[in-house]
Amino acid sequence: MVTSIGNGRIRVAVLFGGRSGEHEVSLASARSVMEALDKTRYEIHPVGIDPMGRWITAGDPMKLLREGEPAPEAPAKESGNDGDGAALTAATRRELLPGADHVRFPVVDVVFPVLHGTYGEDGTIQGLLELADLAYVGADVLGSAVGMDKVIQKAVLSAHGLPIVAWQTVLRRRWRDDPDAILAQIEAQFAYPVFVKPANAGSSVGVSKARDRAELAQGLDLAARFDRKLLVEAAVDAREIEVSVLGNDEPVASVPGEVIPCNEFYDYRAKYIDGDSGLEIPAQLSHEQTAEIRDLAVRAFQAIDCAGMARVDFFVDKSTGQVWLNELNTIPGFTDISMYPKLWEASGLPYPELLDRLIELALERREDKRASKTRYEFDH
């Protein structure tokens, strides 16, 4: 159970928006989080980042970002002059943040980043919060970076003996310099169809399915718009299963759920726009499959040294029942149709209590880090 710090409510900065293709998704997730946080327990400070990277702490950041209005120039009212967050207020003025002459980061006890994609779940914002010695929800710098980069993540999962489908990396520069050679290289390893993805993007942004050489070229062009590293994977005729993981050093997995996409695969439109995809919770799996998937989810979480939360996605081959680990998402969606909170709801942990637990884990993780010395002292 999360308890108040001192005599007041816990001060939570909810960070949303950002410089990524998932800006709008972040706004929807953050709105759900702020609505569900217990106002008697938490003092909520919305902090928005616009698509240009400008931080908004004054006025109504959510309204400003949704309506595209310019940020107010008056500094936000601070809740105090001491405590956590003061370092960030000083550090973020001019040196680190665009337009920071008008930024005053609120003094808070914990930050809840609801930033999907680039500059949000890739370790960059986590690094800033580490420098400010602020507690924050979710994975730290390393876990976030590995979770975001699908190429590095595949290598780490493979090194830990976890089952993943065959894959190949393509650099954007090589693709643009010699496309025929790249196409031949991919076709030498894979039979069609294949999936093409940017290595560093979430929510299926830039993902496509290629059934022939022409679609493969189109898919590589699309993925190259979003990242310098591209990932090509063997396609599996499979069911899409997802599991939510929660915890720090002793994580636990939720019941599995199945995504039944309204489109051919679970792409960006199916996740956030069309709204017609089905979710079956719990997924209709055998007892053995359920146990295997939950175990693999926890092992994957630990393999990338994740913390707080992650949604772990799997494929289950429709013909053989073989389980393949697809990927981890360290800041999963928190909208009203998102799988992460729905799976915990089905596992007996309602949304508000899930948020309580995530904040508790953030504070616990920060205290654990503070137990480590940062200076070496010689014994005399």
Protein backbone atom coordinates (compact mmCIF):
# COMPACT_ATOMS: atom_id res chain seq x y z
CA MET A 1 0.00 0.00 0.00
CA VAL A 2 1.33 3.44 -0.96
CA THR A 3 1.39 5.86 1.97
CA SER A 4 1.78 9.61 1.95
CA ILE A 5 5.21 11.16 2.30
CA GLY A 6 5.19 13.39 5.34
CA ASN A 7 1.74 14.65 6.27
CA GLY A 8 0.51 15.41 2.78
CA ARG A 9 -0.36 13.63 -0.42
CA ILE A 10 2.28 12.05 -2.62
CA ARG A 11 3.24 14.55 -5.32
CA VAL A 12 3.16 12.87 -8.73
CA ALA A 13 4.27 14.49 -11.98
CA VAL A 14 2.55 12.78 -14.92
CA LEU A 15 4.74 13.32 -17.99
CA PHE A 16 3.13 13.02 -21.43
CA GLY A 17 3.24 14.05 -25.07
CA GLY A 18 6.76 14.01 -26.43
CA ARG A 19 8.67 14.00 -29.68
CA SER A 20 7.53 10.73 -31.19
CA GLY A 21 5.01 9.29 -33.60
CA GLU A 22 3.05 8.14 -30.57
CA HIS A 23 2.39 11.62 -29.20
CA GLU A 24 -1.40 11.30 -29.44
CA VAL A 25 -1.36 7.84 -27.85
CA SER A 26 0.62 9.29 -24.95
CA LEU A 27 -2.03 11.96 -24.38
CA ALA A 28 -4.77 9.32 -24.27
CA SER A 29 -2.80 7.12 -21.86
CA ALA A 30 -1.90 10.03 -19.57
CA ARG A 31 -5.48 11.22 -19.42
CA SER A 32 -6.57 7.74 -18.27
CA VAL A 33 -3.81 7.63 -15.66
CA MET A 34 -4.64 11.06 -14.22
CA GLU A 35 -8.34 10.25 -14.07
CA ALA A 36 -7.69 6.99 -12.21
CA LEU A 37 -5.17 8.27 -9.63
CA ASP A 38 -6.75 8.68 -6.19
CA LYS A 39 -6.97 12.46 -5.65
CA THR A 40 -7.16 11.99 -1.87
CA ARG A 41 -3.79 10.25 -1.93
CA TYR A 42 -1.96 12.03 -4.74
CA GLU A 43 -1.27 15.62 -5.71
CA ILE A 44 -1.13 15.42 -9.50
CA HIS A 45 1.10 17.70 -11.57
CA PRO A 46 0.57 17.37 -15.35
CA VAL A 47 3.72 18.02 -17.38
CA GLY A 48 3.41 18.10 -21.16
CA ILE A 49 6.05 17.95 -23.89
CA ASP A 50 4.99 19.23 -27.29
CA PRO A 51 6.08 17.64 -30.61
CA MET A 52 8.95 20.16 -30.84
CA GLY A 53 10.30 19.10 -27.45
CA ARG A 54 9.11 22.15 -25.49
CA TRP A 55 8.03 21.42 -21.92
CA ILE A 56 4.75 22.80 -20.56
CA THR A 57 4.19 22.98 -16.80
CA ALA A 58 1.90 26.01 -16.57
CA GLY A 59 -1.80 26.24 -17.28
CA ASP A 60 -3.45 23.04 -18.55
CA PRO A 61 -0.74 21.12 -20.45
CA MET A 62 -3.15 18.41 -21.61
CA LYS A 63 -5.57 20.95 -23.07
CA LEU A 64 -2.77 22.92 -24.67
CA LEU A 65 -1.30 19.86 -26.37
CA ARG A 66 -4.65 18.49 -27.50
CA GLU A 67 -5.75 21.80 -28.97
CA GLY A 68 -2.35 22.85 -30.27
CA GLU A 69 -2.30 26.17 -28.43
CA PRO A 70 1.00 27.91 -27.57
CA ALA A 71 2.40 27.26 -24.12
CA PRO A 72 1.93 30.00 -21.52
CA GLU A 73 5.05 31.87 -20.51
CA ALA A 74 4.28 32.15 -16.81
CA PRO A 75 6.16 29.64 -14.64
CA ALA A 76 4.11 26.95 -12.95
CA LYS A 77 3.41 27.43 -9.28
CA GLU A 78 5.69 25.20 -7.23
CA SER A 79 4.39 23.17 -4.32
CA GLY A 80 7.43 23.96 -2.20
CA ASN A 81 11.01 25.13 -2.21
CA ASP A 82 12.65 21.96 -0.97
CA GLY A 83 12.50 18.23 -1.53
CA ASP A 84 12.86 16.11 -4.64
CA GLY A 85 12.54 17.89 -7.95
CA ALA A 86 14.55 20.95 -6.99
CA ALA A 87 17.58 19.57 -8.82
CA LEU A 88 15.52 19.07 -11.96
CA THR A 89 14.18 22.61 -11.76
CA ALA A 90 17.71 23.96 -11.72
CA ALA A 91 19.15 21.51 -14.23
CA THR A 92 16.44 21.99 -16.84
CA ARG A 93 16.72 25.73 -17.18
CA ARG A 94 18.12 26.63 -20.60
CA GLU A 95 20.97 24.08 -20.51
CA LEU A 96 18.80 21.02 -21.16
CA LEU A 97 15.35 22.01 -22.36
CA PRO A 98 14.28 24.07 -25.38
CA GLY A 99 12.40 27.17 -24.28
CA ALA A 100 13.36 26.49 -20.67
CA ASP A 101 13.29 30.17 -19.69
CA HIS A 102 9.63 29.58 -18.85
CA VAL A 103 9.90 26.06 -17.41
CA ARG A 104 9.65 25.46 -13.68
CA PHE A 105 9.41 21.75 -13.00
CA PRO A 106 7.13 21.12 -10.01
CA VAL A 107 8.63 19.80 -6.81
CA VAL A 108 7.42 16.20 -6.68
CA ASP A 109 8.06 12.88 -5.00
CA VAL A 110 7.75 10.66 -8.07
CA VAL A 111 7.44 11.04 -11.83
CA PHE A 112 5.07 8.88 -13.88
CA PRO A 113 6.35 8.97 -17.48
CA VAL A 114 3.55 8.14 -19.90
CA LEU A 115 5.72 8.81 -22.93
CA HIS A 116 5.48 6.18 -25.64
CA GLY A 117 8.17 5.69 -28.26
CA THR A 118 11.25 7.77 -29.02
CA TYR A 119 12.53 10.12 -26.28
CA GLY A 120 10.08 8.57 -23.82
CA GLU A 121 10.69 4.89 -23.32
CA ASP A 122 14.17 4.62 -24.84
CA GLY A 123 16.16 5.63 -21.76
CA THR A 124 16.58 9.32 -22.59
CA ILE A 125 14.00 10.77 -20.21
CA GLN A 126 14.98 8.14 -17.64
CA GLY A 127 18.56 9.44 -17.79
CA LEU A 128 17.38 12.98 -17.08
CA LEU A 129 15.34 11.79 -14.11
CA GLU A 130 18.31 9.79 -12.80
CA LEU A 131 20.48 12.91 -12.95
CA ALA A 132 17.83 14.75 -10.95
CA ASP A 133 17.67 11.90 -8.39
CA LEU A 134 13.93 11.57 -8.87
CA ALA A 135 11.91 8.43 -8.37
CA TYR A 136 10.08 7.44 -11.54
CA VAL A 137 7.74 4.70 -12.66
CA GLY A 138 9.07 1.99 -14.94
CA ALA A 139 12.36 0.68 -16.26
CA ASP A 140 15.60 2.55 -15.76
CA VAL A 141 18.00 3.72 -18.47
CA LEU A 142 19.34 0.30 -19.46
CA GLY A 143 16.05 -1.58 -19.34
CA SER A 144 14.30 1.17 -21.28
CA ALA A 145 16.98 1.34 -23.96
CA VAL A 146 17.09 -2.41 -24.49
CA GLY A 147 13.32 -2.62 -24.40
CA MET A 148 13.02 0.04 -27.08
CA ASP A 149 15.68 -1.20 -29.49
CA LYS A 150 14.21 -4.35 -31.04
CA VAL A 151 17.55 -5.38 -32.55
CA ILE A 152 19.44 -5.21 -29.24
CA GLN A 153 16.47 -6.75 -27.44
CA LYS A 154 16.46 -9.74 -29.82
CA ALA A 155 20.16 -10.27 -29.19
CA VAL A 156 19.70 -10.15 -25.40
CA LEU A 157 16.67 -12.47 -25.43
CA SER A 158 18.49 -14.90 -27.70
CA ALA A 159 21.54 -14.88 -25.41
CA HIS A 160 19.25 -15.87 -22.54
CA GLY A 161 17.94 -18.85 -24.49
CA LEU A 162 14.45 -17.45 -24.98
CA PRO A 163 12.53 -18.59 -28.09
CA ILE A 164 12.38 -15.90 -30.80
CA VAL A 165 11.63 -16.08 -34.52
CA ALA A 166 14.39 -15.76 -37.12
CA TRP A 167 15.40 -12.15 -37.76
CA GLN A 168 17.83 -9.99 -39.66
CA THR A 169 19.04 -6.40 -39.23
CA VAL A 170 19.27 -3.90 -42.09
CA LEU A 171 20.87 -0.46 -41.80
CA ARG A 172 19.02 2.37 -43.53
CA ARG A 173 22.21 3.64 -45.15
CA ARG A 174 22.95 0.24 -46.68
CA TRP A 175 19.35 -0.11 -47.88
CA ARG A 176 19.48 3.25 -49.63
CA ASP A 177 22.97 2.69 -51.04
CA ASP A 178 22.40 -0.80 -52.46
CA PRO A 179 18.76 -1.90 -52.34
CA ASP A 180 19.19 -4.85 -54.72
CA ALA A 181 21.89 -6.38 -52.52
CA ILE A 182 19.74 -5.97 -49.40
CA LEU A 183 16.71 -7.55 -51.06
CA ALA A 184 18.81 -10.49 -52.19
CA GLN A 185 20.32 -10.86 -48.70
CA ILE A 186 16.87 -10.99 -47.09
CA GLU A 187 15.47 -13.40 -49.68
CA ALA A 188 18.45 -15.72 -49.13
CA GLN A 189 17.39 -16.16 -45.48
CA PHE A 190 13.61 -15.88 -45.56
CA ALA A 191 10.68 -17.15 -47.55
CA TYR A 192 7.78 -14.73 -47.94
CA PRO A 193 5.88 -13.38 -46.11
CA VAL A 194 8.06 -11.40 -43.71
CA PHE A 195 7.49 -8.51 -41.32
CA VAL A 196 9.49 -5.30 -41.57
CA LYS A 197 9.84 -2.94 -38.60
CA PRO A 198 11.85 0.07 -37.46
CA ALA A 199 14.14 -1.10 -34.66
CA ASN A 200 13.20 1.86 -32.43
CA ALA A 201 9.48 2.55 -32.58
CA GLY A 202 6.48 1.33 -30.65
CA SER A 203 2.77 0.78 -31.19
CA SER A 204 3.48 -0.91 -34.54
CA VAL A 205 4.51 2.42 -36.06
CA GLY A 206 6.16 1.79 -39.44
CA VAL A 207 5.45 -1.96 -39.36
CA SER A 208 4.36 -3.77 -42.52
CA LYS A 209 3.89 -7.29 -43.86
CA ALA A 210 5.63 -8.11 -47.14
CA ARG A 211 4.40 -10.94 -49.38
CA ASP A 212 6.78 -10.35 -52.28
CA ARG A 213 9.82 -8.34 -53.32
CA ALA A 214 7.83 -5.22 -54.21
CA GLU A 215 6.10 -5.13 -50.82
CA LEU A 216 9.43 -5.82 -49.10
CA ALA A 217 10.97 -2.78 -50.78
CA GLN A 218 7.95 -0.68 -49.79
CA GLY A 219 8.17 -1.97 -46.21
CA LEU A 220 11.86 -1.14 -45.92
CA ASP A 221 11.19 2.36 -47.26
CA LEU A 222 8.42 2.82 -44.70
CA ALA A 223 10.47 1.53 -41.76
CA ALA A 224 13.43 3.68 -42.86
CA ARG A 225 11.32 6.80 -42.30
CA PHE A 226 11.36 6.08 -38.56
CA ASP A 227 14.80 4.68 -37.76
CA ARG A 228 18.32 4.02 -39.03
CA LYS A 229 18.08 0.35 -38.02
CA LEU A 230 15.46 -1.90 -39.60
CA LEU A 231 14.34 -5.34 -38.50
CA VAL A 232 13.12 -8.10 -40.82
CA GLU A 233 11.43 -11.09 -39.19
CA ALA A 234 10.02 -14.39 -40.40
CA ALA A 235 6.22 -14.30 -40.38
CA VAL A 236 4.45 -16.93 -38.29
CA ASP A 237 0.81 -17.93 -38.74
CA ALA A 238 0.11 -17.41 -35.09
CA ARG A 239 -2.22 -16.22 -32.38
CA GLU A 240 -1.08 -13.00 -30.66
CA ILE A 241 -0.85 -13.40 -26.89
CA GLU A 242 0.10 -10.69 -24.40
CA VAL A 243 1.07 -10.80 -20.73
CA SER A 244 1.51 -7.95 -18.26
CA VAL A 245 4.48 -8.09 -15.88
CA LEU A 246 4.72 -6.07 -12.66
CA GLY A 247 7.52 -5.74 -10.13
CA ASN A 248 11.19 -4.96 -9.59
CA ASP A 249 13.54 -7.74 -8.55
CA GLU A 250 10.70 -10.24 -8.02
CA PRO A 251 8.30 -9.60 -10.92
CA VAL A 252 5.01 -11.42 -11.40
CA ALA A 253 3.00 -12.07 -14.55
CA SER A 254 -0.71 -11.56 -15.15
CA VAL A 255 -3.07 -13.97 -16.85
CA PRO A 256 -2.43 -14.03 -20.61
CA GLY A 257 -4.79 -12.35 -23.03
CA GLU A 258 -5.29 -12.82 -26.75
CA VAL A 259 -5.50 -10.04 -29.32
CA ILE A 260 -7.87 -10.70 -32.20
CA PRO A 261 -6.94 -7.89 -34.61
CA CYS A 262 -9.53 -6.29 -36.84
CA ASN A 263 -6.86 -5.87 -39.52
CA GLU A 264 -4.53 -8.51 -40.91
CA PHE A 265 -2.17 -7.93 -37.99
CA TYR A 266 -2.21 -5.78 -34.86
CA ASP A 267 -1.00 -2.55 -36.46
CA TYR A 268 -1.29 1.06 -35.27
CA ARG A 269 -4.82 1.52 -36.65
CA ALA A 270 -6.02 -1.70 -35.05
CA LYS A 271 -4.58 -0.65 -31.68
CA TYR A 272 -5.69 2.95 -31.43
CA ILE A 273 -7.97 4.11 -34.25
CA ASP A 274 -10.37 1.47 -35.54
CA GLY A 275 -11.18 0.15 -32.07
CA ASP A 276 -12.70 -3.05 -33.49
CA SER A 277 -9.98 -5.48 -32.46
CA GLY A 278 -11.08 -8.10 -29.97
CA LEU A 279 -9.42 -8.94 -26.68
CA GLU A 280 -10.02 -12.32 -25.10
CA ILE A 281 -9.07 -12.36 -21.43
CA PRO A 282 -7.99 -14.84 -20.29
CA ALA A 283 -6.72 -16.35 -23.52
CA GLN A 284 -7.95 -19.83 -24.36
CA LEU A 285 -4.72 -21.72 -23.78
CA SER A 286 -3.86 -25.03 -22.21
CA HIS A 287 -2.67 -25.04 -18.63
CA GLU A 288 0.83 -25.91 -19.88
CA GLN A 289 0.87 -23.10 -22.46
CA THR A 290 -0.34 -20.57 -19.90
CA ALA A 291 2.36 -21.59 -17.42
CA GLU A 292 5.04 -21.50 -20.13
CA ILE A 293 4.04 -18.06 -21.37
CA ARG A 294 3.90 -16.54 -17.90
CA ASP A 295 7.31 -18.03 -17.06
CA LEU A 296 8.83 -16.74 -20.31
CA ALA A 297 7.37 -13.27 -19.67
CA VAL A 298 9.06 -13.03 -16.27
CA ARG A 299 12.36 -14.39 -17.66
CA ALA A 300 12.30 -11.84 -20.50
CA PHE A 301 11.56 -9.03 -18.03
CA GLN A 302 14.56 -10.06 -15.95
CA ALA A 303 16.78 -10.60 -19.02
CA ILE A 304 16.64 -6.91 -19.98
CA ASP A 305 16.83 -5.83 -16.30
CA CYS A 306 13.39 -4.25 -16.49
CA ALA A 307 11.62 -2.68 -13.51
CA GLY A 308 8.13 -1.55 -12.65
CA MET A 309 6.16 -2.74 -15.64
CA ALA A 310 6.26 -4.24 -19.10
CA ARG A 311 3.87 -5.86 -21.50
CA VAL A 312 5.38 -8.96 -23.07
CA ASP A 313 4.03 -10.08 -26.45
CA PHE A 314 4.06 -13.63 -27.78
CA PHE A 315 3.15 -15.62 -30.87
CA VAL A 316 1.59 -19.08 -30.56
CA ASP A 317 1.85 -21.02 -33.80
CA LYS A 318 -1.65 -22.02 -34.91
CA SER A 319 -0.47 -25.35 -36.31
CA THR A 320 2.15 -26.56 -33.85
CA GLY A 321 1.38 -24.65 -30.64
CA GLN A 322 5.01 -23.46 -30.52
CA VAL A 323 5.41 -20.37 -28.33
CA TRP A 324 7.60 -17.55 -29.64
CA LEU A 325 8.54 -14.44 -27.66
CA ASN A 326 7.91 -11.37 -29.82
CA GLU A 327 8.94 -8.31 -27.78
CA LEU A 328 8.66 -6.32 -24.56
CA ASN A 329 7.10 -2.88 -24.25
CA THR A 330 8.36 -1.04 -21.16
CA ILE A 331 5.74 1.75 -21.23
CA PRO A 332 2.65 -0.02 -22.52
CA GLY A 333 -0.55 1.79 -23.40
CA PHE A 334 -2.77 2.90 -20.52
CA THR A 335 -5.89 3.87 -22.50
CA ASP A 336 -9.30 2.41 -21.70
CA ILE A 337 -8.78 -0.25 -24.39
CA SER A 338 -5.14 -1.05 -23.53
CA MET A 339 -4.19 -4.62 -22.71
CA TYR A 340 -1.77 -3.92 -19.85
CA PRO A 341 -4.31 -2.63 -17.29
CA LYS A 342 -7.03 -4.95 -18.59
CA LEU A 343 -4.88 -8.01 -17.92
CA TRP A 344 -4.19 -6.91 -14.35
CA GLU A 345 -7.87 -6.17 -13.84
CA ALA A 346 -8.59 -9.77 -14.89
CA SER A 347 -5.84 -10.94 -12.52
CA GLY A 348 -7.50 -9.25 -9.55
CA LEU A 349 -5.66 -5.91 -9.51
CA PRO A 350 -7.99 -3.00 -10.43
CA TYR A 351 -6.64 -0.01 -12.35
CA PRO A 352 -6.32 2.42 -9.37
CA GLU A 353 -4.54 -0.23 -7.28
CA LEU A 354 -2.26 -1.00 -10.22
CA LEU A 355 -1.21 2.66 -10.30
CA ASP A 356 -0.64 2.57 -6.54
CA ARG A 357 1.63 -0.43 -6.95
CA LEU A 358 3.60 1.16 -9.80
CA ILE A 359 4.26 4.28 -7.72
CA GLU A 360 5.24 2.14 -4.76
CA LEU A 361 7.69 0.20 -6.96
CA ALA A 362 9.18 3.48 -8.24
CA LEU A 363 9.85 4.73 -4.72
CA GLU A 364 11.22 1.33 -3.71
CA ARG A 365 13.58 1.25 -6.70
CA ARG A 366 14.91 4.74 -5.97
CA GLU A 367 15.63 3.84 -2.35
CA ASP A 368 17.41 0.69 -3.50
CA LYS A 369 19.61 2.76 -5.83
CA ARG A 370 20.38 5.25 -3.08
CA ALA A 371 21.82 2.37 -1.02
CA SER A 372 24.70 2.15 -3.51
CA LYS A 373 27.75 4.31 -2.89
CA THR A 374 28.71 6.72 -5.65
CA ARG A 375 32.15 7.51 -4.27
CA TYR A 376 34.95 5.17 -3.29
CA GLU A 377 36.42 5.92 0.11
CA PHE A 378 39.75 4.46 1.19
CA ASP A 379 39.91 2.88 4.60
CA HIS A 380 42.41 4.60 6.92
